Amino acid sequence: MVLVGRQAPDFTAAAVLGNGDIVENFNFAEFTKGKKAVVFFYPLDFTFVCPSD
């Protein structure tokens, strides 16, 4: 588990950026190099992960 204030592990994944661009091979370490970042994950609405939401 990554906690607030700790360094997040590097990962590569498909991502949608704040400007709406879709990036197939988004690399977290490369994108955030020298910057602070907030990482937010949200499962698709009505998926099996959150059946009560």
N, C-alpha and C. Protein backbone atom coordinates (compact mmCIF):
# COMPACT_ATOMS: atom_id res chain seq x y z
N MET A 1 0.85 -1.17 0.00
CA MET A 1 0.00 0.00 0.00
C MET A 1 0.90 1.24 0.00
N VAL A 2 0.57 2.19 -0.85
CA VAL A 2 1.31 3.45 -0.91
C VAL A 2 0.55 4.48 -0.07
N LEU A 3 1.26 5.16 0.80
CA LEU A 3 0.64 6.13 1.69
C LEU A 3 0.92 7.56 1.23
N VAL A 4 0.14 8.51 1.72
CA VAL A 4 0.33 9.92 1.39
C VAL A 4 1.74 10.34 1.78
N GLY A 5 2.40 11.02 0.88
CA GLY A 5 3.75 11.51 1.13
C GLY A 5 4.85 10.55 0.74
N ARG A 6 4.51 9.32 0.44
CA ARG A 6 5.50 8.33 0.02
C ARG A 6 5.61 8.30 -1.50
N GLN A 7 6.75 7.83 -1.98
CA GLN A 7 6.94 7.73 -3.42
C GLN A 7 6.13 6.56 -3.97
N ALA A 8 5.38 6.81 -5.03
CA ALA A 8 4.58 5.77 -5.67
C ALA A 8 5.48 4.90 -6.54
N PRO A 9 5.15 3.62 -6.69
CA PRO A 9 5.94 2.76 -7.57
C PRO A 9 5.73 3.15 -9.04
N ASP A 10 6.71 2.89 -9.86
CA ASP A 10 6.59 3.17 -11.28
C ASP A 10 5.66 2.15 -11.93
N PHE A 11 4.91 2.59 -12.93
CA PHE A 11 4.05 1.67 -13.69
C PHE A 11 3.85 2.24 -15.09
N THR A 12 3.49 1.37 -16.00
CA THR A 12 3.15 1.76 -17.36
C THR A 12 1.77 1.19 -17.66
N ALA A 13 0.87 2.05 -18.15
CA ALA A 13 -0.51 1.62 -18.41
C ALA A 13 -1.15 2.60 -19.39
N ALA A 14 -2.31 2.22 -19.92
CA ALA A 14 -3.11 3.15 -20.71
C ALA A 14 -3.69 4.18 -19.75
N ALA A 15 -3.80 5.44 -20.21
CA ALA A 15 -4.30 6.49 -19.33
C ALA A 15 -5.00 7.58 -20.13
N VAL A 16 -5.89 8.30 -19.45
CA VAL A 16 -6.52 9.49 -20.00
C VAL A 16 -5.98 10.67 -19.21
N LEU A 17 -5.36 11.61 -19.89
CA LEU A 17 -4.77 12.77 -19.23
C LEU A 17 -5.82 13.84 -18.98
N GLY A 18 -5.45 14.83 -18.18
CA GLY A 18 -6.37 15.90 -17.82
C GLY A 18 -6.92 16.69 -18.99
N ASN A 19 -6.17 16.75 -20.08
CA ASN A 19 -6.63 17.48 -21.27
C ASN A 19 -7.47 16.61 -22.20
N GLY A 20 -7.72 15.35 -21.79
CA GLY A 20 -8.53 14.44 -22.59
C GLY A 20 -7.75 13.53 -23.51
N ASP A 21 -6.45 13.74 -23.63
CA ASP A 21 -5.62 12.87 -24.47
C ASP A 21 -5.58 11.46 -23.90
N ILE A 22 -5.67 10.46 -24.78
CA ILE A 22 -5.56 9.06 -24.38
C ILE A 22 -4.15 8.60 -24.73
N VAL A 23 -3.44 8.07 -23.74
CA VAL A 23 -2.06 7.62 -23.91
C VAL A 23 -2.04 6.11 -23.68
N GLU A 24 -1.63 5.34 -24.69
CA GLU A 24 -1.62 3.88 -24.57
C GLU A 24 -0.51 3.38 -23.65
N ASN A 25 0.67 4.00 -23.70
CA ASN A 25 1.80 3.55 -22.88
C ASN A 25 2.26 4.68 -21.96
N PHE A 26 1.41 5.06 -21.04
CA PHE A 26 1.73 6.11 -20.08
C PHE A 26 2.70 5.55 -19.05
N ASN A 27 3.86 6.20 -18.90
CA ASN A 27 4.85 5.79 -17.90
C ASN A 27 4.86 6.81 -16.77
N PHE A 28 4.48 6.36 -15.59
CA PHE A 28 4.31 7.25 -14.44
C PHE A 28 5.60 7.99 -14.08
N ALA A 29 6.71 7.28 -13.98
CA ALA A 29 7.98 7.91 -13.59
C ALA A 29 8.43 8.96 -14.61
N GLU A 30 8.26 8.66 -15.89
CA GLU A 30 8.67 9.59 -16.94
C GLU A 30 7.80 10.84 -16.93
N PHE A 31 6.51 10.67 -16.74
CA PHE A 31 5.56 11.79 -16.78
C PHE A 31 5.71 12.71 -15.57
N THR A 32 6.03 12.14 -14.41
CA THR A 32 6.09 12.93 -13.17
C THR A 32 7.50 13.32 -12.77
N LYS A 33 8.47 13.05 -13.60
CA LYS A 33 9.87 13.33 -13.25
C LYS A 33 10.04 14.78 -12.80
N GLY A 34 10.50 14.96 -11.56
CA GLY A 34 10.73 16.29 -11.02
C GLY A 34 9.49 17.04 -10.59
N LYS A 35 8.31 16.38 -10.62
CA LYS A 35 7.06 17.04 -10.26
C LYS A 35 6.36 16.24 -9.16
N LYS A 36 5.46 16.88 -8.46
CA LYS A 36 4.59 16.17 -7.52
C LYS A 36 3.34 15.76 -8.27
N ALA A 37 2.71 14.67 -7.83
CA ALA A 37 1.53 14.17 -8.54
C ALA A 37 0.52 13.58 -7.57
N VAL A 38 -0.73 13.62 -7.98
CA VAL A 38 -1.81 12.94 -7.27
C VAL A 38 -2.27 11.82 -8.18
N VAL A 39 -2.29 10.60 -7.65
CA VAL A 39 -2.70 9.44 -8.44
C VAL A 39 -4.10 9.03 -7.98
N PHE A 40 -5.02 8.93 -8.93
CA PHE A 40 -6.41 8.60 -8.63
C PHE A 40 -6.86 7.49 -9.56
N PHE A 41 -7.39 6.44 -8.99
CA PHE A 41 -7.92 5.33 -9.78
C PHE A 41 -9.41 5.21 -9.53
N TYR A 42 -10.18 4.99 -10.57
CA TYR A 42 -11.62 4.86 -10.44
C TYR A 42 -12.09 3.74 -11.37
N PRO A 43 -12.74 2.71 -10.83
CA PRO A 43 -13.26 1.65 -11.71
C PRO A 43 -14.46 2.17 -12.49
N LEU A 44 -14.71 1.59 -13.61
CA LEU A 44 -15.85 1.96 -14.44
C LEU A 44 -17.14 1.83 -13.65
N ASP A 45 -18.08 2.75 -13.84
CA ASP A 45 -19.37 2.67 -13.14
C ASP A 45 -20.05 1.33 -13.41
N PHE A 46 -20.70 0.83 -12.39
CA PHE A 46 -21.50 -0.40 -12.45
C PHE A 46 -20.68 -1.64 -12.81
N THR A 47 -19.40 -1.65 -12.47
CA THR A 47 -18.58 -2.83 -12.69
C THR A 47 -18.70 -3.76 -11.49
N PHE A 48 -18.27 -4.98 -11.63
CA PHE A 48 -18.37 -5.97 -10.57
C PHE A 48 -17.52 -5.59 -9.35
N VAL A 49 -16.51 -4.74 -9.55
CA VAL A 49 -15.64 -4.33 -8.44
C VAL A 49 -16.45 -3.61 -7.37
N CYS A 50 -17.42 -2.81 -7.77
CA CYS A 50 -18.23 -2.03 -6.82
C CYS A 50 -19.72 -2.26 -7.08
N PRO A 51 -20.24 -3.44 -6.77
CA PRO A 51 -21.63 -3.73 -7.10
C PRO A 51 -22.64 -2.90 -6.32
N SER A 52 -22.24 -2.31 -5.18
CA SER A 52 -23.19 -1.55 -4.38
C SER A 52 -23.20 -0.06 -4.73
N ASP A 53 -22.32 0.39 -5.62
CA ASP A 53 -22.27 1.81 -5.97
C ASP A 53 -23.15 2.12 -7.15
